[in-house]
Amino acid sequence: MIQLLRTKTGRLRIIAILEGISLLILVFIAVPLKYAFHDPSLVKMMGPVHGSLFLLFLFNTLSVGIEQGWKFKEITWKVLLACMIPFGTFYIDYKILRKL
């Protein structure tokens, strides 16, 4: 884990996993609590966290893509699209980011 923090690609992988986990928490815990038990507190807490991680993932993807010289049509667009598809960050980490 510590070795991942030493490179921008490693940090991007960590952000991708955290963004995916925050979405899991929102979709499977916070939203059901909000609608089943009328308790929106977890949504109010996790919504901004997920949004911040989402933006951090976008900016870091562009930064790593520029630094690594990724061709936009081959890698960058796939990584950017992954964060817009639910749970796509897990897939993109497995298929692309871990190999870099």
Protein backbone atom coordinates (compact mmCIF):
# COMPACT_ATOMS: atom_id res chain seq x y z
CA MET A 1 0.00 0.00 0.00
CA ILE A 2 2.80 2.42 0.87
CA GLN A 3 4.43 1.78 -2.51
CA LEU A 4 1.21 2.88 -4.21
CA LEU A 5 1.53 6.30 -2.58
CA ARG A 6 4.93 6.89 -4.19
CA THR A 7 3.64 7.29 -7.74
CA LYS A 8 0.85 9.35 -9.25
CA THR A 9 -0.61 6.22 -10.84
CA GLY A 10 -0.63 4.51 -7.46
CA ARG A 11 -2.38 7.47 -5.86
CA LEU A 12 -4.91 7.42 -8.71
CA ARG A 13 -5.60 3.75 -7.99
CA ILE A 14 -6.22 4.51 -4.32
CA ILE A 15 -8.55 7.39 -5.20
CA ALA A 16 -10.40 5.11 -7.64
CA ILE A 17 -10.99 2.49 -4.95
CA LEU A 18 -12.07 5.10 -2.39
CA GLU A 19 -14.46 6.68 -4.90
CA GLY A 20 -15.96 3.27 -5.63
CA ILE A 21 -16.34 2.46 -1.93
CA SER A 22 -18.01 5.81 -1.27
CA LEU A 23 -20.52 5.05 -4.04
CA LEU A 24 -21.20 1.62 -2.53
CA ILE A 25 -21.89 3.24 0.84
CA LEU A 26 -24.21 5.77 -0.75
CA VAL A 27 -26.16 3.31 -2.88
CA PHE A 28 -26.46 0.37 -0.50
CA ILE A 29 -26.47 1.99 2.94
CA ALA A 30 -27.16 5.74 2.91
CA VAL A 31 -29.97 5.90 0.36
CA PRO A 32 -31.90 2.95 1.84
CA LEU A 33 -31.58 4.53 5.29
CA LYS A 34 -32.87 7.79 3.89
CA TYR A 35 -35.96 6.32 2.26
CA ALA A 36 -36.75 3.35 4.49
CA PHE A 37 -36.13 5.03 7.85
CA HIS A 38 -36.41 8.71 6.87
CA ASP A 39 -32.85 9.36 8.07
CA PRO A 40 -30.96 11.47 5.52
CA SER A 41 -27.95 12.10 7.78
CA LEU A 42 -25.64 9.56 6.11
CA VAL A 43 -26.55 10.86 2.65
CA LYS A 44 -25.77 14.40 3.81
CA MET A 45 -22.40 13.20 5.11
CA MET A 46 -21.38 10.83 2.29
CA GLY A 47 -22.71 12.90 -0.62
CA PRO A 48 -20.03 15.60 -0.37
CA VAL A 49 -17.34 12.99 0.38
CA HIS A 50 -18.26 11.03 -2.74
CA GLY A 51 -18.45 14.23 -4.81
CA SER A 52 -15.02 15.32 -3.63
CA LEU A 53 -13.51 11.92 -4.40
CA PHE A 54 -15.18 11.99 -7.82
CA LEU A 55 -13.61 15.36 -8.64
CA LEU A 56 -10.26 14.29 -7.23
CA PHE A 57 -10.40 11.22 -9.46
CA LEU A 58 -11.15 13.34 -12.54
CA PHE A 59 -8.33 15.81 -11.91
CA ASN A 60 -5.83 13.09 -11.06
CA THR A 61 -6.76 11.09 -14.13
CA LEU A 62 -6.03 14.08 -16.35
CA SER A 63 -2.81 14.81 -14.48
CA VAL A 64 -1.55 11.22 -14.73
CA GLY A 65 -2.65 10.99 -18.35
CA ILE A 66 -0.62 14.07 -19.25
CA GLU A 67 2.40 13.00 -17.19
CA GLN A 68 2.39 9.44 -18.55
CA GLY A 69 1.65 10.52 -22.12
CA TRP A 70 -1.51 8.45 -22.35
CA LYS A 71 -3.20 8.62 -25.72
CA PHE A 72 -6.64 10.03 -25.05
CA LYS A 73 -8.38 7.67 -27.48
CA GLU A 74 -6.72 4.59 -25.96
CA ILE A 75 -6.62 5.06 -22.18
CA THR A 76 -7.68 8.45 -20.80
CA TRP A 77 -11.28 8.41 -22.03
CA LYS A 78 -11.80 4.90 -20.62
CA VAL A 79 -10.54 5.93 -17.20
CA LEU A 80 -12.66 9.09 -17.23
CA LEU A 81 -15.73 7.15 -18.33
CA ALA A 82 -15.20 4.61 -15.56
CA CYS A 83 -15.97 7.11 -12.83
CA MET A 84 -19.27 7.97 -14.49
CA ILE A 85 -20.44 4.36 -14.58
CA PRO A 86 -21.44 2.91 -11.22
CA PHE A 87 -18.62 0.75 -9.89
CA GLY A 88 -16.57 1.43 -13.02
CA THR A 89 -13.58 2.54 -10.97
CA PHE A 90 -13.17 -1.02 -9.64
CA TYR A 91 -13.20 -2.38 -13.19
CA ILE A 92 -10.81 0.22 -14.56
CA ASP A 93 -8.41 -0.35 -11.68
CA TYR A 94 -8.38 -4.06 -12.44
CA LYS A 95 -8.17 -3.77 -16.25
CA ILE A 96 -5.92 -0.72 -16.78
CA LEU A 97 -4.47 1.02 -13.74
CA ARG A 98 -2.87 -1.93 -11.96
CA LYS A 99 -0.94 -2.80 -15.13
CA LEU A 100 0.59 0.67 -15.29
